[in-house]
Amino acid sequence: TGGVYMMMTIDPDAVEGDAPEIVKVTAISGGSNPYTLTIVRHQESTAA
């Protein structure tokens, strides 16, 4: 929060032939699964 972020990759193994997507996670809320992530899509030239 407050300007601290983390980069994460969705589907890093490219299952079913999809190209992975890199997202910037700017917030995580929740105390147990499932957690809610606020994200900025299509980072580092990947497609949303």
All heavy atoms as atom14 arrays in JSON, in Angstrom:
{
  "sequence": "TGGVYMMMTIDPDAVEGDAPEIVKVTAISGGSNPYTLTIVRHQESTAA",
  "atom14_mask": [
    [1, 1, 1, 1, 1, 1, 1, 0, 0, 0, 0, 0, 0, 0],
    [1, 1, 1, 1, 0, 0, 0, 0, 0, 0, 0, 0, 0, 0],
    [1, 1, 1, 1, 0, 0, 0, 0, 0, 0, 0, 0, 0, 0],
    [1, 1, 1, 1, 1, 1, 1, 0, 0, 0, 0, 0, 0, 0],
    [1, 1, 1, 1, 1, 1, 1, 1, 1, 1, 1, 1, 0, 0],
    [1, 1, 1, 1, 1, 1, 1, 1, 0, 0, 0, 0, 0, 0],
    [1, 1, 1, 1, 1, 1, 1, 1, 0, 0, 0, 0, 0, 0],
    [1, 1, 1, 1, 1, 1, 1, 1, 0, 0, 0, 0, 0, 0],
    [1, 1, 1, 1, 1, 1, 1, 0, 0, 0, 0, 0, 0, 0],
    [1, 1, 1, 1, 1, 1, 1, 1, 0, 0, 0, 0, 0, 0],
    [1, 1, 1, 1, 1, 1, 1, 1, 0, 0, 0, 0, 0, 0],
    [1, 1, 1, 1, 1, 1, 1, 0, 0, 0, 0, 0, 0, 0],
    [1, 1, 1, 1, 1, 1, 1, 1, 0, 0, 0, 0, 0, 0],
    [1, 1, 1, 1, 1, 0, 0, 0, 0, 0, 0, 0, 0, 0],
    [1, 1, 1, 1, 1, 1, 1, 0, 0, 0, 0, 0, 0, 0],
    [1, 1, 1, 1, 1, 1, 1, 1, 1, 0, 0, 0, 0, 0],
    [1, 1, 1, 1, 0, 0, 0, 0, 0, 0, 0, 0, 0, 0],
    [1, 1, 1, 1, 1, 1, 1, 1, 0, 0, 0, 0, 0, 0],
    [1, 1, 1, 1, 1, 0, 0, 0, 0, 0, 0, 0, 0, 0],
    [1, 1, 1, 1, 1, 1, 1, 0, 0, 0, 0, 0, 0, 0],
    [1, 1, 1, 1, 1, 1, 1, 1, 1, 0, 0, 0, 0, 0],
    [1, 1, 1, 1, 1, 1, 1, 1, 0, 0, 0, 0, 0, 0],
    [1, 1, 1, 1, 1, 1, 1, 0, 0, 0, 0, 0, 0, 0],
    [1, 1, 1, 1, 1, 1, 1, 1, 1, 0, 0, 0, 0, 0],
    [1, 1, 1, 1, 1, 1, 1, 0, 0, 0, 0, 0, 0, 0],
    [1, 1, 1, 1, 1, 1, 1, 0, 0, 0, 0, 0, 0, 0],
    [1, 1, 1, 1, 1, 0, 0, 0, 0, 0, 0, 0, 0, 0],
    [1, 1, 1, 1, 1, 1, 1, 1, 0, 0, 0, 0, 0, 0],
    [1, 1, 1, 1, 1, 1, 0, 0, 0, 0, 0, 0, 0, 0],
    [1, 1, 1, 1, 0, 0, 0, 0, 0, 0, 0, 0, 0, 0],
    [1, 1, 1, 1, 0, 0, 0, 0, 0, 0, 0, 0, 0, 0],
    [1, 1, 1, 1, 1, 1, 0, 0, 0, 0, 0, 0, 0, 0],
    [1, 1, 1, 1, 1, 1, 1, 1, 0, 0, 0, 0, 0, 0],
    [1, 1, 1, 1, 1, 1, 1, 0, 0, 0, 0, 0, 0, 0],
    [1, 1, 1, 1, 1, 1, 1, 1, 1, 1, 1, 1, 0, 0],
    [1, 1, 1, 1, 1, 1, 1, 0, 0, 0, 0, 0, 0, 0],
    [1, 1, 1, 1, 1, 1, 1, 1, 0, 0, 0, 0, 0, 0],
    [1, 1, 1, 1, 1, 1, 1, 0, 0, 0, 0, 0, 0, 0],
    [1, 1, 1, 1, 1, 1, 1, 1, 0, 0, 0, 0, 0, 0],
    [1, 1, 1, 1, 1, 1, 1, 0, 0, 0, 0, 0, 0, 0],
    [1, 1, 1, 1, 1, 1, 1, 1, 1, 1, 1, 0, 0, 0],
    [1, 1, 1, 1, 1, 1, 1, 1, 1, 1, 0, 0, 0, 0],
    [1, 1, 1, 1, 1, 1, 1, 1, 1, 0, 0, 0, 0, 0],
    [1, 1, 1, 1, 1, 1, 1, 1, 1, 0, 0, 0, 0, 0],
    [1, 1, 1, 1, 1, 1, 0, 0, 0, 0, 0, 0, 0, 0],
    [1, 1, 1, 1, 1, 1, 1, 0, 0, 0, 0, 0, 0, 0],
    [1, 1, 1, 1, 1, 0, 0, 0, 0, 0, 0, 0, 0, 0],
    [1, 1, 1, 1, 1, 0, 0, 0, 0, 0, 0, 0, 0, 0]
  ],
  "atom14_positions": [
    [[0.86, -1.19, 0.0], [0.0, 0.0, 0.0], [0.89, 1.23, 0.0], [2.08, 1.14, 0.27], [-0.91, 0.04, 1.25], [-0.08, 0.04, 2.41], [-1.87, -1.13, 1.29], [0.0, 0.0, 0.0], [0.0, 0.0, 0.0], [0.0, 0.0, 0.0], [0.0, 0.0, 0.0], [0.0, 0.0, 0.0], [0.0, 0.0, 0.0], [0.0, 0.0, 0.0]],
    [[0.32, 2.38, -0.3], [1.05, 3.64, -0.22], [2.26, 3.72, -1.13], [3.3, 4.22, -0.73], [0.0, 0.0, 0.0], [0.0, 0.0, 0.0], [0.0, 0.0, 0.0], [0.0, 0.0, 0.0], [0.0, 0.0, 0.0], [0.0, 0.0, 0.0], [0.0, 0.0, 0.0], [0.0, 0.0, 0.0], [0.0, 0.0, 0.0], [0.0, 0.0, 0.0]],
    [[2.16, 3.19, -2.34], [3.25, 3.29, -3.29], [4.19, 2.1, -3.29], [5.19, 2.11, -4.0], [0.0, 0.0, 0.0], [0.0, 0.0, 0.0], [0.0, 0.0, 0.0], [0.0, 0.0, 0.0], [0.0, 0.0, 0.0], [0.0, 0.0, 0.0], [0.0, 0.0, 0.0], [0.0, 0.0, 0.0], [0.0, 0.0, 0.0], [0.0, 0.0, 0.0]],
    [[3.91, 1.06, -2.51], [4.71, -0.15, -2.51], [4.0, -1.19, -3.37], [2.81, -1.44, -3.19], [4.91, -0.7, -1.07], [5.71, -1.99, -1.08], [5.58, 0.34, -0.2], [0.0, 0.0, 0.0], [0.0, 0.0, 0.0], [0.0, 0.0, 0.0], [0.0, 0.0, 0.0], [0.0, 0.0, 0.0], [0.0, 0.0, 0.0], [0.0, 0.0, 0.0]],
    [[4.71, -1.77, -4.32], [4.08, -2.72, -5.24], [4.97, -3.95, -5.43], [6.12, -3.98, -5.04], [3.81, -2.07, -6.59], [5.07, -1.77, -7.38], [5.53, -2.66, -8.34], [5.8, -0.61, -7.16], [6.69, -2.39, -9.06], [6.95, -0.34, -7.86], [7.4, -1.24, -8.81], [8.54, -0.99, -9.51], [0.0, 0.0, 0.0], [0.0, 0.0, 0.0]],
    [[4.39, -4.97, -6.06], [5.09, -6.21, -6.37], [4.68, -6.65, -7.77], [3.53, -6.47, -8.17], [4.69, -7.26, -5.34], [5.07, -8.66, -5.66], [4.53, -9.76, -4.35], [6.11, -10.08, -3.65], [0.0, 0.0, 0.0], [0.0, 0.0, 0.0], [0.0, 0.0, 0.0], [0.0, 0.0, 0.0], [0.0, 0.0, 0.0], [0.0, 0.0, 0.0]],
    [[5.62, -7.2, -8.51], [5.31, -7.73, -9.84], [4.99, -9.22, -9.71], [5.68, -9.95, -8.99], [6.48, -7.53, -10.79], [6.88, -6.07, -10.97], [5.56, -5.0, -11.53], [5.66, -5.27, -13.28], [0.0, 0.0, 0.0], [0.0, 0.0, 0.0], [0.0, 0.0, 0.0], [0.0, 0.0, 0.0], [0.0, 0.0, 0.0], [0.0, 0.0, 0.0]],
    [[3.93, -9.65, -10.4], [3.55, -11.06, -10.42], [3.24, -11.48, -11.86], [2.88, -10.64, -12.69], [2.37, -11.32, -9.5], [2.69, -11.07, -8.03], [1.39, -11.58, -6.9], [1.64, -13.36, -6.9], [0.0, 0.0, 0.0], [0.0, 0.0, 0.0], [0.0, 0.0, 0.0], [0.0, 0.0, 0.0], [0.0, 0.0, 0.0], [0.0, 0.0, 0.0]],
    [[3.38, -12.76, -12.13], [3.13, -13.29, -13.46], [1.97, -14.27, -13.4], [1.98, -15.22, -12.61], [4.38, -14.01, -14.01], [5.47, -13.08, -14.0], [4.16, -14.51, -15.42], [0.0, 0.0, 0.0], [0.0, 0.0, 0.0], [0.0, 0.0, 0.0], [0.0, 0.0, 0.0], [0.0, 0.0, 0.0], [0.0, 0.0, 0.0], [0.0, 0.0, 0.0]],
    [[0.98, -14.04, -14.27], [-0.15, -14.97, -14.39], [0.21, -15.99, -15.46], [0.65, -15.63, -16.55], [-1.45, -14.24, -14.79], [-1.81, -13.17, -13.74], [-2.59, -15.23, -14.99], [-2.97, -12.29, -14.14], [0.0, 0.0, 0.0], [0.0, 0.0, 0.0], [0.0, 0.0, 0.0], [0.0, 0.0, 0.0], [0.0, 0.0, 0.0], [0.0, 0.0, 0.0]],
    [[0.02, -17.25, -15.14], [0.27, -18.38, -16.04], [1.7, -18.4, -16.57], [1.94, -18.39, -17.77], [-0.73, -18.37, -17.19], [-0.79, -19.69, -17.94], [-0.37, -20.73, -17.38], [-1.24, -19.7, -19.09], [0.0, 0.0, 0.0], [0.0, 0.0, 0.0], [0.0, 0.0, 0.0], [0.0, 0.0, 0.0], [0.0, 0.0, 0.0], [0.0, 0.0, 0.0]],
    [[2.7, -18.47, -15.67], [4.1, -18.45, -16.12], [4.49, -19.64, -16.99], [5.46, -19.55, -17.73], [4.89, -18.44, -14.81], [3.96, -19.07, -13.82], [2.58, -18.65, -14.24], [0.0, 0.0, 0.0], [0.0, 0.0, 0.0], [0.0, 0.0, 0.0], [0.0, 0.0, 0.0], [0.0, 0.0, 0.0], [0.0, 0.0, 0.0], [0.0, 0.0, 0.0]],
    [[3.73, -20.72, -16.93], [4.03, -21.91, -17.73], [3.34, -21.91, -19.08], [3.48, -22.87, -19.85], [3.66, -23.17, -16.96], [4.43, -23.3, -15.66], [5.64, -23.01, -15.67], [3.82, -23.67, -14.64], [0.0, 0.0, 0.0], [0.0, 0.0, 0.0], [0.0, 0.0, 0.0], [0.0, 0.0, 0.0], [0.0, 0.0, 0.0], [0.0, 0.0, 0.0]],
    [[2.58, -20.86, -19.39], [1.87, -20.73, -20.67], [1.0, -21.95, -20.96], [1.05, -22.54, -22.03], [2.84, -20.47, -21.81], [0.0, 0.0, 0.0], [0.0, 0.0, 0.0], [0.0, 0.0, 0.0], [0.0, 0.0, 0.0], [0.0, 0.0, 0.0], [0.0, 0.0, 0.0], [0.0, 0.0, 0.0], [0.0, 0.0, 0.0], [0.0, 0.0, 0.0]],
    [[0.16, -22.31, -19.99], [-0.76, -23.43, -20.14], [-1.73, -23.14, -21.27], [-2.17, -22.01, -21.45], [-1.52, -23.68, -18.81], [-2.57, -24.76, -18.96], [-0.54, -24.03, -17.7], [0.0, 0.0, 0.0], [0.0, 0.0, 0.0], [0.0, 0.0, 0.0], [0.0, 0.0, 0.0], [0.0, 0.0, 0.0], [0.0, 0.0, 0.0], [0.0, 0.0, 0.0]],
    [[-2.06, -24.14, -22.04], [-3.01, -24.03, -23.16], [-2.55, -23.04, -24.22], [-3.36, -22.47, -24.95], [-4.41, -23.66, -22.65], [-4.99, -24.68, -21.69], [-6.33, -24.24, -21.13], [-6.96, -23.32, -21.67], [-6.73, -24.84, -20.11], [0.0, 0.0, 0.0], [0.0, 0.0, 0.0], [0.0, 0.0, 0.0], [0.0, 0.0, 0.0], [0.0, 0.0, 0.0]],
    [[-1.25, -22.77, -24.3], [-0.72, -21.92, -25.36], [-0.87, -20.43, -25.15], [-0.5, -19.65, -26.02], [0.0, 0.0, 0.0], [0.0, 0.0, 0.0], [0.0, 0.0, 0.0], [0.0, 0.0, 0.0], [0.0, 0.0, 0.0], [0.0, 0.0, 0.0], [0.0, 0.0, 0.0], [0.0, 0.0, 0.0], [0.0, 0.0, 0.0], [0.0, 0.0, 0.0]],
    [[-1.43, -20.01, -24.02], [-1.55, -18.58, -23.75], [-0.2, -18.02, -23.33], [0.56, -18.66, -22.62], [-2.56, -18.34, -22.62], [-3.96, -18.77, -23.0], [-4.33, -18.55, -24.16], [-4.67, -19.32, -22.14], [0.0, 0.0, 0.0], [0.0, 0.0, 0.0], [0.0, 0.0, 0.0], [0.0, 0.0, 0.0], [0.0, 0.0, 0.0], [0.0, 0.0, 0.0]],
    [[0.09, -16.8, -23.74], [1.31, -16.13, -23.3], [1.09, -15.62, -21.88], [0.01, -15.11, -21.56], [1.64, -14.97, -24.23], [0.0, 0.0, 0.0], [0.0, 0.0, 0.0], [0.0, 0.0, 0.0], [0.0, 0.0, 0.0], [0.0, 0.0, 0.0], [0.0, 0.0, 0.0], [0.0, 0.0, 0.0], [0.0, 0.0, 0.0], [0.0, 0.0, 0.0]],
    [[2.07, -15.74, -20.99], [1.91, -15.21, -19.63], [1.66, -13.7, -19.64], [2.0, -13.01, -20.59], [3.26, -15.53, -18.98], [3.82, -16.65, -19.79], [3.34, -16.4, -21.2], [0.0, 0.0, 0.0], [0.0, 0.0, 0.0], [0.0, 0.0, 0.0], [0.0, 0.0, 0.0], [0.0, 0.0, 0.0], [0.0, 0.0, 0.0], [0.0, 0.0, 0.0]],
    [[1.07, -13.22, -18.55], [0.85, -11.79, -18.38], [1.51, -11.34, -17.07], [1.31, -11.96, -16.03], [-0.64, -11.46, -18.33], [-0.92, -9.99, -18.12], [-2.39, -9.64, -17.99], [-3.25, -10.52, -18.23], [-2.67, -8.48, -17.64], [0.0, 0.0, 0.0], [0.0, 0.0, 0.0], [0.0, 0.0, 0.0], [0.0, 0.0, 0.0], [0.0, 0.0, 0.0]],
    [[2.27, -10.26, -17.14], [2.88, -9.69, -15.95], [2.0, -8.54, -15.46], [1.58, -7.7, -16.25], [4.31, -9.18, -16.23], [5.19, -10.36, -16.68], [4.9, -8.49, -15.01], [6.56, -9.95, -17.18], [0.0, 0.0, 0.0], [0.0, 0.0, 0.0], [0.0, 0.0, 0.0], [0.0, 0.0, 0.0], [0.0, 0.0, 0.0], [0.0, 0.0, 0.0]],
    [[1.69, -8.56, -14.15], [0.86, -7.52, -13.55], [1.6, -6.88, -12.39], [2.45, -7.5, -11.75], [-0.5, -8.08, -13.07], [-1.32, -8.62, -14.23], [-0.32, -9.13, -11.99], [0.0, 0.0, 0.0], [0.0, 0.0, 0.0], [0.0, 0.0, 0.0], [0.0, 0.0, 0.0], [0.0, 0.0, 0.0], [0.0, 0.0, 0.0], [0.0, 0.0, 0.0]],
    [[1.28, -5.63, -12.14], [1.81, -4.91, -10.97], [0.73, -4.98, -9.89], [-0.39, -4.53, -10.1], [2.09, -3.45, -11.34], [2.67, -2.64, -10.19], [2.8, -1.16, -10.56], [3.91, -0.98, -11.56], [4.16, 0.46, -11.86], [0.0, 0.0, 0.0], [0.0, 0.0, 0.0], [0.0, 0.0, 0.0], [0.0, 0.0, 0.0], [0.0, 0.0, 0.0]],
    [[1.06, -5.56, -8.75], [0.12, -5.68, -7.64], [0.37, -4.5, -6.71], [1.46, -4.35, -6.15], [0.31, -7.01, -6.88], [-0.68, -7.13, -5.74], [0.17, -8.2, -7.84], [0.0, 0.0, 0.0], [0.0, 0.0, 0.0], [0.0, 0.0, 0.0], [0.0, 0.0, 0.0], [0.0, 0.0, 0.0], [0.0, 0.0, 0.0], [0.0, 0.0, 0.0]],
    [[-0.65, -3.65, -6.55], [-0.48, -2.43, -5.76], [-1.15, -2.51, -4.39], [-0.92, -1.65, -3.55], [-1.02, -1.21, -6.53], [-2.41, -1.43, -6.83], [-0.24, -0.98, -7.81], [0.0, 0.0, 0.0], [0.0, 0.0, 0.0], [0.0, 0.0, 0.0], [0.0, 0.0, 0.0], [0.0, 0.0, 0.0], [0.0, 0.0, 0.0], [0.0, 0.0, 0.0]],
    [[-1.97, -3.53, -4.17], [-2.6, -3.72, -2.86], [-3.09, -5.16, -2.74], [-3.48, -5.78, -3.73], [-3.77, -2.76, -2.67], [0.0, 0.0, 0.0], [0.0, 0.0, 0.0], [0.0, 0.0, 0.0], [0.0, 0.0, 0.0], [0.0, 0.0, 0.0], [0.0, 0.0, 0.0], [0.0, 0.0, 0.0], [0.0, 0.0, 0.0], [0.0, 0.0, 0.0]],
    [[-3.04, -5.67, -1.52], [-3.59, -6.99, -1.21], [-4.42, -6.82, 0.06], [-3.96, -6.26, 1.05], [-2.5, -8.05, -0.98], [-1.7, -8.27, -2.26], [-3.11, -9.36, -0.5], [-0.59, -9.29, -2.13], [0.0, 0.0, 0.0], [0.0, 0.0, 0.0], [0.0, 0.0, 0.0], [0.0, 0.0, 0.0], [0.0, 0.0, 0.0], [0.0, 0.0, 0.0]],
    [[-5.66, -7.31, 0.01], [-6.51, -7.23, 1.2], [-7.09, -8.61, 1.49], [-7.2, -9.46, 0.61], [-7.62, -6.2, 1.0], [-8.43, -6.55, -0.1], [0.0, 0.0, 0.0], [0.0, 0.0, 0.0], [0.0, 0.0, 0.0], [0.0, 0.0, 0.0], [0.0, 0.0, 0.0], [0.0, 0.0, 0.0], [0.0, 0.0, 0.0], [0.0, 0.0, 0.0]],
    [[-7.46, -8.79, 2.74], [-8.03, -10.06, 3.19], [-7.15, -10.69, 4.25], [-5.96, -10.39, 4.35], [0.0, 0.0, 0.0], [0.0, 0.0, 0.0], [0.0, 0.0, 0.0], [0.0, 0.0, 0.0], [0.0, 0.0, 0.0], [0.0, 0.0, 0.0], [0.0, 0.0, 0.0], [0.0, 0.0, 0.0], [0.0, 0.0, 0.0], [0.0, 0.0, 0.0]],
    [[-7.76, -11.57, 5.04], [-7.03, -12.22, 6.11], [-6.81, -13.69, 5.87], [-6.09, -14.35, 6.61], [0.0, 0.0, 0.0], [0.0, 0.0, 0.0], [0.0, 0.0, 0.0], [0.0, 0.0, 0.0], [0.0, 0.0, 0.0], [0.0, 0.0, 0.0], [0.0, 0.0, 0.0], [0.0, 0.0, 0.0], [0.0, 0.0, 0.0], [0.0, 0.0, 0.0]],
    [[-7.46, -14.22, 4.83], [-7.29, -15.63, 4.46], [-7.75, -15.79, 3.02], [-8.3, -14.87, 2.43], [-8.09, -16.54, 5.41], [-9.48, -16.27, 5.28], [0.0, 0.0, 0.0], [0.0, 0.0, 0.0], [0.0, 0.0, 0.0], [0.0, 0.0, 0.0], [0.0, 0.0, 0.0], [0.0, 0.0, 0.0], [0.0, 0.0, 0.0], [0.0, 0.0, 0.0]],
    [[-7.52, -16.97, 2.45], [-7.93, -17.21, 1.06], [-9.43, -17.09, 0.9], [-10.17, -17.51, 1.78], [-7.48, -18.61, 0.63], [-6.01, -18.67, 0.33], [-5.42, -17.71, -0.13], [-5.4, -19.81, 0.6], [0.0, 0.0, 0.0], [0.0, 0.0, 0.0], [0.0, 0.0, 0.0], [0.0, 0.0, 0.0], [0.0, 0.0, 0.0], [0.0, 0.0, 0.0]],
    [[-9.88, -16.51, -0.19], [-9.13, -15.82, -1.24], [-8.79, -14.38, -0.84], [-9.6, -13.69, -0.23], [-10.05, -15.85, -2.45], [-11.43, -15.85, -1.86], [-11.31, -16.6, -0.55], [0.0, 0.0, 0.0], [0.0, 0.0, 0.0], [0.0, 0.0, 0.0], [0.0, 0.0, 0.0], [0.0, 0.0, 0.0], [0.0, 0.0, 0.0], [0.0, 0.0, 0.0]],
    [[-7.61, -13.94, -1.22], [-7.17, -12.56, -1.01], [-7.54, -11.75, -2.26], [-7.56, -12.28, -3.36], [-5.66, -12.5, -0.82], [-5.2, -13.11, 0.48], [-4.98, -14.47, 0.58], [-5.0, -12.32, 1.6], [-4.56, -15.04, 1.77], [-4.58, -12.88, 2.8], [-4.36, -14.24, 2.88], [-3.95, -14.79, 4.06], [0.0, 0.0, 0.0], [0.0, 0.0, 0.0]],
    [[-7.82, -10.46, -2.08], [-8.13, -9.59, -3.2], [-6.89, -8.78, -3.55], [-6.3, -8.13, -2.68], [-9.3, -8.65, -2.87], [-10.45, -9.44, -2.55], [-9.61, -7.73, -4.03], [0.0, 0.0, 0.0], [0.0, 0.0, 0.0], [0.0, 0.0, 0.0], [0.0, 0.0, 0.0], [0.0, 0.0, 0.0], [0.0, 0.0, 0.0], [0.0, 0.0, 0.0]],
    [[-6.49, -8.85, -4.81], [-5.32, -8.11, -5.3], [-5.78, -6.99, -6.21], [-6.6, -7.22, -7.12], [-4.4, -9.03, -6.1], [-3.44, -9.94, -5.35], [-4.19, -10.93, -4.47], [-2.56, -10.67, -6.33], [0.0, 0.0, 0.0], [0.0, 0.0, 0.0], [0.0, 0.0, 0.0], [0.0, 0.0, 0.0], [0.0, 0.0, 0.0], [0.0, 0.0, 0.0]],
    [[-5.3, -5.78, -5.99], [-5.5, -4.67, -6.91], [-4.32, -4.7, -7.86], [-3.16, -4.75, -7.41], [-5.55, -3.33, -6.15], [-6.6, -3.4, -5.17], [-5.81, -2.18, -7.1], [0.0, 0.0, 0.0], [0.0, 0.0, 0.0], [0.0, 0.0, 0.0], [0.0, 0.0, 0.0], [0.0, 0.0, 0.0], [0.0, 0.0, 0.0], [0.0, 0.0, 0.0]],
    [[-4.6, -4.69, -9.17], [-3.53, -4.9, -10.15], [-3.55, -3.85, -11.27], [-4.58, -3.26, -11.56], [-3.62, -6.31, -10.78], [-4.99, -6.55, -11.42], [-3.3, -7.38, -9.76], [-5.13, -7.89, -12.14], [0.0, 0.0, 0.0], [0.0, 0.0, 0.0], [0.0, 0.0, 0.0], [0.0, 0.0, 0.0], [0.0, 0.0, 0.0], [0.0, 0.0, 0.0]],
    [[-2.38, -3.64, -11.85], [-2.23, -2.85, -13.07], [-1.84, -3.86, -14.14], [-0.85, -4.58, -13.99], [-1.15, -1.76, -12.92], [-1.01, -0.97, -14.2], [-1.48, -0.85, -11.73], [0.0, 0.0, 0.0], [0.0, 0.0, 0.0], [0.0, 0.0, 0.0], [0.0, 0.0, 0.0], [0.0, 0.0, 0.0], [0.0, 0.0, 0.0], [0.0, 0.0, 0.0]],
    [[-2.61, -3.93, -15.22], [-2.47, -4.98, -16.22], [-1.39, -4.68, -17.25], [-0.86, -3.6, -17.35], [-3.81, -5.17, -16.97], [-5.02, -5.43, -16.08], [-4.97, -6.74, -15.33], [-4.92, -7.92, -16.16], [-5.99, -8.58, -16.62], [-7.2, -8.17, -16.33], [-5.84, -9.65, -17.37], [0.0, 0.0, 0.0], [0.0, 0.0, 0.0], [0.0, 0.0, 0.0]],
    [[-1.09, -5.69, -18.05], [-0.19, -5.73, -19.21], [1.11, -4.98, -18.99], [1.48, -4.07, -19.73], [-0.91, -5.3, -20.5], [-1.48, -3.93, -20.51], [-0.75, -2.83, -20.87], [-2.72, -3.48, -20.24], [-1.51, -1.75, -20.8], [-2.71, -2.12, -20.42], [0.0, 0.0, 0.0], [0.0, 0.0, 0.0], [0.0, 0.0, 0.0], [0.0, 0.0, 0.0]],
    [[1.87, -5.39, -17.99], [3.17, -4.78, -17.68], [4.27, -5.45, -18.52], [4.13, -6.58, -18.96], [3.49, -4.94, -16.19], [2.48, -4.25, -15.28], [2.5, -2.75, -15.45], [3.49, -2.09, -15.14], [1.42, -2.2, -15.96], [0.0, 0.0, 0.0], [0.0, 0.0, 0.0], [0.0, 0.0, 0.0], [0.0, 0.0, 0.0], [0.0, 0.0, 0.0]],
    [[5.36, -4.73, -18.7], [6.55, -5.23, -19.4], [6.21, -5.85, -20.76], [6.67, -6.94, -21.11], [7.31, -6.23, -18.52], [7.84, -5.59, -17.25], [8.72, -6.5, -16.44], [9.46, -7.31, -17.03], [8.71, -6.38, -15.19], [0.0, 0.0, 0.0], [0.0, 0.0, 0.0], [0.0, 0.0, 0.0], [0.0, 0.0, 0.0], [0.0, 0.0, 0.0]],
    [[5.4, -5.17, -21.52], [5.03, -5.55, -22.89], [4.22, -6.84, -22.99], [4.18, -7.46, -24.05], [6.28, -5.66, -23.78], [6.96, -4.42, -23.81], [0.0, 0.0, 0.0], [0.0, 0.0, 0.0], [0.0, 0.0, 0.0], [0.0, 0.0, 0.0], [0.0, 0.0, 0.0], [0.0, 0.0, 0.0], [0.0, 0.0, 0.0], [0.0, 0.0, 0.0]],
    [[3.58, -7.26, -21.9], [2.67, -8.4, -21.99], [1.26, -7.88, -22.22], [0.97, -6.71, -21.96], [2.71, -9.27, -20.72], [2.28, -8.49, -19.59], [4.12, -9.81, -20.46], [0.0, 0.0, 0.0], [0.0, 0.0, 0.0], [0.0, 0.0, 0.0], [0.0, 0.0, 0.0], [0.0, 0.0, 0.0], [0.0, 0.0, 0.0], [0.0, 0.0, 0.0]],
    [[0.37, -8.73, -22.71], [-0.99, -8.31, -23.04], [-1.96, -8.7, -21.94], [-1.86, -9.79, -21.37], [-1.42, -8.95, -24.35], [0.0, 0.0, 0.0], [0.0, 0.0, 0.0], [0.0, 0.0, 0.0], [0.0, 0.0, 0.0], [0.0, 0.0, 0.0], [0.0, 0.0, 0.0], [0.0, 0.0, 0.0], [0.0, 0.0, 0.0], [0.0, 0.0, 0.0]],
    [[-2.91, -7.8, -21.65], [-3.99, -8.13, -20.73], [-4.88, -9.16, -21.42], [-5.25, -8.99, -22.57], [-4.79, -6.88, -20.38], [0.0, 0.0, 0.0], [0.0, 0.0, 0.0], [0.0, 0.0, 0.0], [0.0, 0.0, 0.0], [0.0, 0.0, 0.0], [0.0, 0.0, 0.0], [0.0, 0.0, 0.0], [0.0, 0.0, 0.0], [0.0, 0.0, 0.0]]
  ]
}
